Amino acid sequence: MVQTTQEKPAVTPELIVQDYQRAYRQLHKREAHVIHLTAEWYQVNGEMVHKLVLLREIERLRDFTQRQRKATADRGTIQKLIARLRGM
């Protein structure tokens, strides 16, 4: 068996829990309660969630947070332009 020098690190349950908690906190500004139960199952805020669903939810939370940040930045740019126009 040949090993490459650039192997991907394993996605551990601890990393999944940390990623979900971080993504949830960034979006909702509060903590999520996540427990790894078995190889494929987690408990998230009192609900049983499969690993694949949790991974998709992490991605969704990150995407939504990015869209919010972009919208906020866009509003800031528009407000600056309006202020400049008013100053003319």
PDB file of N, CA and C in Angstrom:
ATOM      1  N   MET A   1       0.847  -1.179   0.000  1.00  0.00           N
ATOM      2  CA  MET A   1       0.000   0.000   0.000  1.00  0.00           C
ATOM      3  C   MET A   1       0.888   1.236   0.000  1.00  0.00           C
ATOM      4  N   VAL A   2       0.616   2.156  -0.897  1.00  0.00           N
ATOM      5  CA  VAL A   2       1.399   3.374  -1.024  1.00  0.00           C
ATOM      6  C   VAL A   2       0.680   4.503  -0.294  1.00  0.00           C
ATOM      7  N   GLN A   3       1.391   5.200   0.571  1.00  0.00           N
ATOM      8  CA  GLN A   3       0.815   6.330   1.278  1.00  0.00           C
ATOM      9  C   GLN A   3       1.281   7.617   0.615  1.00  0.00           C
ATOM     10  N   THR A   4       0.355   8.547   0.482  1.00  0.00           N
ATOM     11  CA  THR A   4       0.719   9.845  -0.067  1.00  0.00           C
ATOM     12  C   THR A   4       1.102  10.778   1.063  1.00  0.00           C
ATOM     13  N   THR A   5       1.846  11.802   0.739  1.00  0.00           N
ATOM     14  CA  THR A   5       2.269  12.746   1.773  1.00  0.00           C
ATOM     15  C   THR A   5       1.176  13.744   2.105  1.00  0.00           C
ATOM     16  N   GLN A   6       0.130  13.804   1.288  1.00  0.00           N
ATOM     17  CA  GLN A   6      -0.938  14.770   1.523  1.00  0.00           C
ATOM     18  C   GLN A   6      -2.250  14.056   1.846  1.00  0.00           C
ATOM     19  N   GLU A   7      -2.264  13.267   2.883  1.00  0.00           N
ATOM     20  CA  GLU A   7      -3.485  12.585   3.292  1.00  0.00           C
ATOM     21  C   GLU A   7      -4.399  13.563   4.006  1.00  0.00           C
ATOM     22  N   LYS A   8      -5.696  13.415   3.773  1.00  0.00           N
ATOM     23  CA  LYS A   8      -6.673  14.266   4.442  1.00  0.00           C
ATOM     24  C   LYS A   8      -6.808  13.828   5.900  1.00  0.00           C
ATOM     25  N   PRO A   9      -6.949  14.801   6.810  1.00  0.00           N
ATOM     26  CA  PRO A   9      -7.182  14.419   8.193  1.00  0.00           C
ATOM     27  C   PRO A   9      -8.578  13.803   8.335  1.00  0.00           C
ATOM     28  N   ALA A  10      -8.695  12.872   9.237  1.00  0.00           N
ATOM     29  CA  ALA A  10      -9.974  12.202   9.456  1.00  0.00           C
ATOM     30  C   ALA A  10     -10.980  13.174  10.063  1.00  0.00           C
ATOM     31  N   VAL A  11     -12.224  13.047   9.627  1.00  0.00           N
ATOM     32  CA  VAL A  11     -13.295  13.850  10.206  1.00  0.00           C
ATOM     33  C   VAL A  11     -13.796  13.090  11.423  1.00  0.00           C
ATOM     34  N   THR A  12     -13.419  13.555  12.574  1.00  0.00           N
ATOM     35  CA  THR A  12     -13.786  12.882  13.818  1.00  0.00           C
ATOM     36  C   THR A  12     -15.104  13.433  14.342  1.00  0.00           C
ATOM     37  N   PRO A  13     -15.779  12.678  15.195  1.00  0.00           N
ATOM     38  CA  PRO A  13     -17.007  13.189  15.810  1.00  0.00           C
ATOM     39  C   PRO A  13     -16.768  14.505  16.555  1.00  0.00           C
ATOM     40  N   GLU A  14     -15.608  14.641  17.190  1.00  0.00           N
ATOM     41  CA  GLU A  14     -15.308  15.873  17.925  1.00  0.00           C
ATOM     42  C   GLU A  14     -15.241  17.069  16.983  1.00  0.00           C
ATOM     43  N   LEU A  15     -14.644  16.869  15.806  1.00  0.00           N
ATOM     44  CA  LEU A  15     -14.565  17.958  14.829  1.00  0.00           C
ATOM     45  C   LEU A  15     -15.950  18.332  14.300  1.00  0.00           C
ATOM     46  N   ILE A  16     -16.776  17.344  14.091  1.00  0.00           N
ATOM     47  CA  ILE A  16     -18.134  17.606  13.617  1.00  0.00           C
ATOM     48  C   ILE A  16     -18.900  18.408  14.658  1.00  0.00           C
ATOM     49  N   VAL A  17     -18.804  17.997  15.919  1.00  0.00           N
ATOM     50  CA  VAL A  17     -19.477  18.725  17.004  1.00  0.00           C
ATOM     51  C   VAL A  17     -18.971  20.156  17.065  1.00  0.00           C
ATOM     52  N   GLN A  18     -17.666  20.345  17.020  1.00  0.00           N
ATOM     53  CA  GLN A  18     -17.088  21.693  17.084  1.00  0.00           C
ATOM     54  C   GLN A  18     -17.513  22.547  15.893  1.00  0.00           C
ATOM     55  N   ASP A  19     -17.498  21.970  14.710  1.00  0.00           N
ATOM     56  CA  ASP A  19     -17.899  22.709  13.510  1.00  0.00           C
ATOM     57  C   ASP A  19     -19.355  23.140  13.589  1.00  0.00           C
ATOM     58  N   TYR A  20     -20.219  22.232  14.041  1.00  0.00           N
ATOM     59  CA  TYR A  20     -21.635  22.586  14.152  1.00  0.00           C
ATOM     60  C   TYR A  20     -21.826  23.686  15.189  1.00  0.00           C
ATOM     61  N   GLN A  21     -21.200  23.531  16.343  1.00  0.00           N
ATOM     62  CA  GLN A  21     -21.352  24.537  17.395  1.00  0.00           C
ATOM     63  C   GLN A  21     -20.866  25.909  16.922  1.00  0.00           C
ATOM     64  N   ARG A  22     -19.743  25.944  16.216  1.00  0.00           N
ATOM     65  CA  ARG A  22     -19.204  27.210  15.704  1.00  0.00           C
ATOM     66  C   ARG A  22     -20.156  27.835  14.684  1.00  0.00           C
ATOM     67  N   ALA A  23     -20.633  27.041  13.730  1.00  0.00           N
ATOM     68  CA  ALA A  23     -21.532  27.551  12.695  1.00  0.00           C
ATOM     69  C   ALA A  23     -22.854  28.029  13.304  1.00  0.00           C
ATOM     70  N   TYR A  24     -23.375  27.284  14.259  1.00  0.00           N
ATOM     71  CA  TYR A  24     -24.626  27.643  14.922  1.00  0.00           C
ATOM     72  C   TYR A  24     -24.458  28.948  15.701  1.00  0.00           C
ATOM     73  N   ARG A  25     -23.359  29.059  16.434  1.00  0.00           N
ATOM     74  CA  ARG A  25     -23.078  30.253  17.238  1.00  0.00           C
ATOM     75  C   ARG A  25     -22.924  31.491  16.360  1.00  0.00           C
ATOM     76  N   GLN A  26     -22.248  31.351  15.233  1.00  0.00           N
ATOM     77  CA  GLN A  26     -22.052  32.491  14.340  1.00  0.00           C
ATOM     78  C   GLN A  26     -23.371  33.000  13.782  1.00  0.00           C
ATOM     79  N   LEU A  27     -24.278  32.112  13.495  1.00  0.00           N
ATOM     80  CA  LEU A  27     -25.550  32.520  12.912  1.00  0.00           C
ATOM     81  C   LEU A  27     -26.559  32.966  13.966  1.00  0.00           C
ATOM     82  N   HIS A  28     -26.725  32.182  15.020  1.00  0.00           N
ATOM     83  CA  HIS A  28     -27.790  32.413  15.994  1.00  0.00           C
ATOM     84  C   HIS A  28     -27.349  33.186  17.236  1.00  0.00           C
ATOM     85  N   LYS A  29     -26.051  33.412  17.400  1.00  0.00           N
ATOM     86  CA  LYS A  29     -25.499  34.149  18.550  1.00  0.00           C
ATOM     87  C   LYS A  29     -25.855  33.502  19.888  1.00  0.00           C
ATOM     88  N   ARG A  30     -25.939  32.178  19.877  1.00  0.00           N
ATOM     89  CA  ARG A  30     -26.153  31.392  21.101  1.00  0.00           C
ATOM     90  C   ARG A  30     -25.560  30.010  20.888  1.00  0.00           C
ATOM     91  N   GLU A  31     -25.445  29.269  21.957  1.00  0.00           N
ATOM     92  CA  GLU A  31     -24.798  27.955  21.905  1.00  0.00           C
ATOM     93  C   GLU A  31     -25.788  26.857  21.520  1.00  0.00           C
ATOM     94  N   ALA A  32     -25.279  25.871  20.805  1.00  0.00           N
ATOM     95  CA  ALA A  32     -26.047  24.664  20.482  1.00  0.00           C
ATOM     96  C   ALA A  32     -25.556  23.552  21.404  1.00  0.00           C
ATOM     97  N   HIS A  33     -26.470  22.702  21.813  1.00  0.00           N
ATOM     98  CA  HIS A  33     -26.117  21.567  22.665  1.00  0.00           C
ATOM     99  C   HIS A  33     -26.023  20.328  21.767  1.00  0.00           C
ATOM    100  N   VAL A  34     -24.803  19.818  21.578  1.00  0.00           N
ATOM    101  CA  VAL A  34     -24.577  18.701  20.663  1.00  0.00           C
ATOM    102  C   VAL A  34     -23.843  17.591  21.400  1.00  0.00           C
ATOM    103  N   ILE A  35     -24.359  16.370  21.263  1.00  0.00           N
ATOM    104  CA  ILE A  35     -23.736  15.192  21.875  1.00  0.00           C
ATOM    105  C   ILE A  35     -23.572  14.122  20.805  1.00  0.00           C
ATOM    106  N   HIS A  36     -22.374  13.550  20.712  1.00  0.00           N
ATOM    107  CA  HIS A  36     -22.138  12.420  19.807  1.00  0.00           C
ATOM    108  C   HIS A  36     -22.605  11.160  20.527  1.00  0.00           C
ATOM    109  N   LEU A  37     -23.558  10.439  19.935  1.00  0.00           N
ATOM    110  CA  LEU A  37     -24.132   9.266  20.584  1.00  0.00           C
ATOM    111  C   LEU A  37     -23.477   7.966  20.111  1.00  0.00           C
ATOM    112  N   THR A  38     -23.507   7.734  18.800  1.00  0.00           N
ATOM    113  CA  THR A  38     -22.899   6.532  18.218  1.00  0.00           C
ATOM    114  C   THR A  38     -22.128   6.954  16.976  1.00  0.00           C
ATOM    115  N   ALA A  39     -21.618   5.990  16.230  1.00  0.00           N
ATOM    116  CA  ALA A  39     -20.808   6.288  15.044  1.00  0.00           C
ATOM    117  C   ALA A  39     -21.523   7.233  14.082  1.00  0.00           C
ATOM    118  N   GLU A  40     -22.811   7.085  13.912  1.00  0.00           N
ATOM    119  CA  GLU A  40     -23.545   7.854  12.904  1.00  0.00           C
ATOM    120  C   GLU A  40     -24.604   8.797  13.470  1.00  0.00           C
ATOM    121  N   TRP A  41     -24.805   8.808  14.772  1.00  0.00           N
ATOM    122  CA  TRP A  41     -25.907   9.575  15.349  1.00  0.00           C
ATOM    123  C   TRP A  41     -25.430  10.580  16.376  1.00  0.00           C
ATOM    124  N   TYR A  42     -26.098  11.733  16.361  1.00  0.00           N
ATOM    125  CA  TYR A  42     -25.818  12.834  17.275  1.00  0.00           C
ATOM    126  C   TYR A  42     -27.137  13.311  17.862  1.00  0.00           C
ATOM    127  N   GLN A  43     -27.050  13.959  19.002  1.00  0.00           N
ATOM    128  CA  GLN A  43     -28.217  14.621  19.567  1.00  0.00           C
ATOM    129  C   GLN A  43     -27.926  16.117  19.509  1.00  0.00           C
ATOM    130  N   VAL A  44     -28.780  16.847  18.795  1.00  0.00           N
ATOM    131  CA  VAL A  44     -28.599  18.284  18.605  1.00  0.00           C
ATOM    132  C   VAL A  44     -29.814  18.999  19.176  1.00  0.00           C
ATOM    133  N   ASN A  45     -29.571  19.775  20.221  1.00  0.00           N
ATOM    134  CA  ASN A  45     -30.658  20.520  20.877  1.00  0.00           C
ATOM    135  C   ASN A  45     -31.863  19.623  21.166  1.00  0.00           C
ATOM    136  N   GLY A  46     -31.573  18.404  21.636  1.00  0.00           N
ATOM    137  CA  GLY A  46     -32.623  17.475  22.034  1.00  0.00           C
ATOM    138  C   GLY A  46     -33.167  16.582  20.936  1.00  0.00           C
ATOM    139  N   GLU A  47     -32.715  16.742  19.699  1.00  0.00           N
ATOM    140  CA  GLU A  47     -33.202  15.921  18.585  1.00  0.00           C
ATOM    141  C   GLU A  47     -32.133  14.968  18.092  1.00  0.00           C
ATOM    142  N   MET A  48     -32.533  13.750  17.740  1.00  0.00           N
ATOM    143  CA  MET A  48     -31.619  12.784  17.139  1.00  0.00           C
ATOM    144  C   MET A  48     -31.384  13.180  15.685  1.00  0.00           C
ATOM    145  N   VAL A  49     -30.100  13.250  15.299  1.00  0.00           N
ATOM    146  CA  VAL A  49     -29.745  13.677  13.944  1.00  0.00           C
ATOM    147  C   VAL A  49     -28.668  12.742  13.402  1.00  0.00           C
ATOM    148  N   HIS A  50     -28.847  12.292  12.168  1.00  0.00           N
ATOM    149  CA  HIS A  50     -27.847  11.452  11.524  1.00  0.00           C
ATOM    150  C   HIS A  50     -26.649  12.305  11.115  1.00  0.00           C
ATOM    151  N   LYS A  51     -25.491  11.692  11.077  1.00  0.00           N
ATOM    152  CA  LYS A  51     -24.240  12.376  10.746  1.00  0.00           C
ATOM    153  C   LYS A  51     -24.328  13.123   9.419  1.00  0.00           C
ATOM    154  N   LEU A  52     -24.873  12.505   8.390  1.00  0.00           N
ATOM    155  CA  LEU A  52     -24.960  13.148   7.076  1.00  0.00           C
ATOM    156  C   LEU A  52     -25.847  14.387   7.105  1.00  0.00           C
ATOM    157  N   VAL A  53     -26.937  14.299   7.848  1.00  0.00           N
ATOM    158  CA  VAL A  53     -27.824  15.453   7.986  1.00  0.00           C
ATOM    159  C   VAL A  53     -27.104  16.577   8.729  1.00  0.00           C
ATOM    160  N   LEU A  54     -26.358  16.225   9.750  1.00  0.00           N
ATOM    161  CA  LEU A  54     -25.617  17.215  10.523  1.00  0.00           C
ATOM    162  C   LEU A  54     -24.545  17.888   9.662  1.00  0.00           C
ATOM    163  N   LEU A  55     -23.855  17.120   8.840  1.00  0.00           N
ATOM    164  CA  LEU A  55     -22.852  17.703   7.946  1.00  0.00           C
ATOM    165  C   LEU A  55     -23.485  18.662   6.948  1.00  0.00           C
ATOM    166  N   ARG A  56     -24.639  18.299   6.416  1.00  0.00           N
ATOM    167  CA  ARG A  56     -25.352  19.201   5.496  1.00  0.00           C
ATOM    168  C   ARG A  56     -25.824  20.458   6.210  1.00  0.00           C
ATOM    169  N   GLU A  57     -26.249  20.305   7.455  1.00  0.00           N
ATOM    170  CA  GLU A  57     -26.708  21.458   8.235  1.00  0.00           C
ATOM    171  C   GLU A  57     -25.551  22.410   8.529  1.00  0.00           C
ATOM    172  N   ILE A  58     -24.376  21.870   8.795  1.00  0.00           N
ATOM    173  CA  ILE A  58     -23.194  22.714   9.006  1.00  0.00           C
ATOM    174  C   ILE A  58     -22.943  23.554   7.753  1.00  0.00           C
ATOM    175  N   GLU A  59     -23.002  22.927   6.603  1.00  0.00           N
ATOM    176  CA  GLU A  59     -22.790  23.633   5.337  1.00  0.00           C
ATOM    177  C   GLU A  59     -23.852  24.703   5.123  1.00  0.00           C
ATOM    178  N   ARG A  60     -25.110  24.370   5.427  1.00  0.00           N
ATOM    179  CA  ARG A  60     -26.211  25.325   5.259  1.00  0.00           C
ATOM    180  C   ARG A  60     -26.034  26.529   6.177  1.00  0.00           C
ATOM    181  N   LEU A  61     -25.670  26.285   7.438  1.00  0.00           N
ATOM    182  CA  LEU A  61     -25.463  27.374   8.388  1.00  0.00           C
ATOM    183  C   LEU A  61     -24.327  28.285   7.931  1.00  0.00           C
ATOM    184  N   ARG A  62     -23.246  27.695   7.449  1.00  0.00           N
ATOM    185  CA  ARG A  62     -22.112  28.495   6.958  1.00  0.00           C
ATOM    186  C   ARG A  62     -22.515  29.342   5.758  1.00  0.00           C
ATOM    187  N   ASP A  63     -23.229  28.734   4.805  1.00  0.00           N
ATOM    188  CA  ASP A  63     -23.671  29.467   3.621  1.00  0.00           C
ATOM    189  C   ASP A  63     -24.591  30.628   3.996  1.00  0.00           C
ATOM    190  N   PHE A  64     -25.515  30.371   4.907  1.00  0.00           N
ATOM    191  CA  PHE A  64     -26.453  31.406   5.323  1.00  0.00           C
ATOM    192  C   PHE A  64     -25.721  32.551   6.019  1.00  0.00           C
ATOM    193  N   THR A  65     -24.741  32.215   6.855  1.00  0.00           N
ATOM    194  CA  THR A  65     -23.953  33.241   7.537  1.00  0.00           C
ATOM    195  C   THR A  65     -23.191  34.084   6.527  1.00  0.00           C
ATOM    196  N   GLN A  66     -22.613  33.444   5.517  1.00  0.00           N
ATOM    197  CA  GLN A  66     -21.893  34.187   4.473  1.00  0.00           C
ATOM    198  C   GLN A  66     -22.819  35.131   3.719  1.00  0.00           C
ATOM    199  N   ARG A  67     -24.012  34.667   3.395  1.00  0.00           N
ATOM    200  CA  ARG A  67     -24.979  35.524   2.681  1.00  0.00           C
ATOM    201  C   ARG A  67     -25.368  36.719   3.536  1.00  0.00           C
ATOM    202  N   GLN A  68     -25.555  36.492   4.850  1.00  0.00           N
ATOM    203  CA  GLN A  68     -25.893  37.590   5.749  1.00  0.00           C
ATOM    204  C   GLN A  68     -24.777  38.629   5.791  1.00  0.00           C
ATOM    205  N   ARG A  69     -23.538  38.156   5.886  1.00  0.00           N
ATOM    206  CA  ARG A  69     -22.398  39.077   5.931  1.00  0.00           C
ATOM    207  C   ARG A  69     -22.305  39.888   4.645  1.00  0.00           C
ATOM    208  N   LYS A  70     -22.510  39.230   3.516  1.00  0.00           N
ATOM    209  CA  LYS A  70     -22.440  39.927   2.233  1.00  0.00           C
ATOM    210  C   LYS A  70     -23.549  40.963   2.136  1.00  0.00           C
ATOM    211  N   ALA A  71     -24.745  40.620   2.553  1.00  0.00           N
ATOM    212  CA  ALA A  71     -25.859  41.563   2.511  1.00  0.00           C
ATOM    213  C   ALA A  71     -25.581  42.756   3.411  1.00  0.00           C
ATOM    214  N   THR A  72     -25.017  42.520   4.579  1.00  0.00           N
ATOM    215  CA  THR A  72     -24.672  43.603   5.498  1.00  0.00           C
ATOM    216  C   THR A  72     -23.606  44.506   4.885  1.00  0.00           C
ATOM    217  N   ALA A  73     -22.607  43.909   4.257  1.00  0.00           N
ATOM    218  CA  ALA A  73     -21.555  44.686   3.604  1.00  0.00           C
ATOM    219  C   ALA A  73     -22.129  45.498   2.449  1.00  0.00           C
ATOM    220  N   ASP A  74     -23.035  44.900   1.686  1.00  0.00           N
ATOM    221  CA  ASP A  74     -23.670  45.607   0.569  1.00  0.00           C
ATOM    222  C   ASP A  74     -24.483  46.794   1.076  1.00  0.00           C
ATOM    223  N   ARG A  75     -25.213  46.606   2.172  1.00  0.00           N
ATOM    224  CA  ARG A  75     -25.995  47.706   2.740  1.00  0.00           C
ATOM    225  C   ARG A  75     -25.075  48.826   3.203  1.00  0.00           C
ATOM    226  N   GLY A  76     -23.945  48.458   3.790  1.00  0.00           N
ATOM    227  CA  GLY A  76     -22.982  49.461   4.240  1.00  0.00           C
ATOM    228  C   GLY A  76     -22.441  50.277   3.079  1.00  0.00           C
ATOM    229  N   THR A  77     -22.141  49.622   1.986  1.00  0.00           N
ATOM    230  CA  THR A  77     -21.639  50.308   0.794  1.00  0.00           C
ATOM    231  C   THR A  77     -22.703  51.240   0.233  1.00  0.00           C
ATOM    232  N   ILE A  78     -23.924  50.786   0.190  1.00  0.00           N
ATOM    233  CA  ILE A  78     -25.024  51.620  -0.321  1.00  0.00           C
ATOM    234  C   ILE A  78     -25.219  52.834   0.585  1.00  0.00           C
ATOM    235  N   GLN A  79     -25.163  52.630   1.893  1.00  0.00           N
ATOM    236  CA  GLN A  79     -25.320  53.751   2.824  1.00  0.00           C
ATOM    237  C   GLN A  79     -24.220  54.788   2.639  1.00  0.00           C
ATOM    238  N   LYS A  80     -22.993  54.330   2.388  1.00  0.00           N
ATOM    239  CA  LYS A  80     -21.876  55.258   2.156  1.00  0.00           C
ATOM    240  C   LYS A  80     -22.101  56.068   0.880  1.00  0.00           C
ATOM    241  N   LEU A  81     -22.576  55.396  -0.166  1.00  0.00           N
ATOM    242  CA  LEU A  81     -22.857  56.111  -1.421  1.00  0.00           C
ATOM    243  C   LEU A  81     -23.949  57.142  -1.236  1.00  0.00           C
ATOM    244  N   ILE A  82     -25.000  56.793  -0.512  1.00  0.00           N
ATOM    245  CA  ILE A  82     -26.094  57.737  -0.249  1.00  0.00           C
ATOM    246  C   ILE A  82     -25.576  58.934   0.532  1.00  0.00           C
ATOM    247  N   ALA A  83     -24.726  58.676   1.536  1.00  0.00           N
ATOM    248  CA  ALA A  83     -24.160  59.770   2.327  1.00  0.00           C
ATOM    249  C   ALA A  83     -23.302  60.694   1.453  1.00  0.00           C
ATOM    250  N   ARG A  84     -22.551  60.137   0.533  1.00  0.00           N
ATOM    251  CA  ARG A  84     -21.732  60.959  -0.370  1.00  0.00           C
ATOM    252  C   ARG A  84     -22.616  61.815  -1.274  1.00  0.00           C
ATOM    253  N   LEU A  85     -23.697  61.205  -1.796  1.00  0.00           N
ATOM    254  CA  LEU A  85     -24.586  61.952  -2.660  1.00  0.00           C
ATOM    255  C   LEU A  85     -25.267  63.089  -1.908  1.00  0.00           C
ATOM    256  N   ARG A  86     -25.631  62.857  -0.673  1.00  0.00           N
ATOM    257  CA  ARG A  86     -26.261  63.898   0.138  1.00  0.00           C
ATOM    258  C   ARG A  86     -25.270  65.033   0.418  1.00  0.00           C
ATOM    259  N   GLY A  87     -23.992  64.679   0.508  1.00  0.00           N
ATOM    260  CA  GLY A  87     -22.977  65.691   0.789  1.00  0.00           C
ATOM    261  C   GLY A  87     -22.628  66.562  -0.401  1.00  0.00           C
ATOM    262  N   MET A  88     -23.088  66.202  -1.585  1.00  0.00           N
ATOM    263  CA  MET A  88     -22.756  66.990  -2.792  1.00  0.00           C
ATOM    264  C   MET A  88     -23.576  68.237  -2.886  1.00  0.00           C
TER     265      MET A  88
END
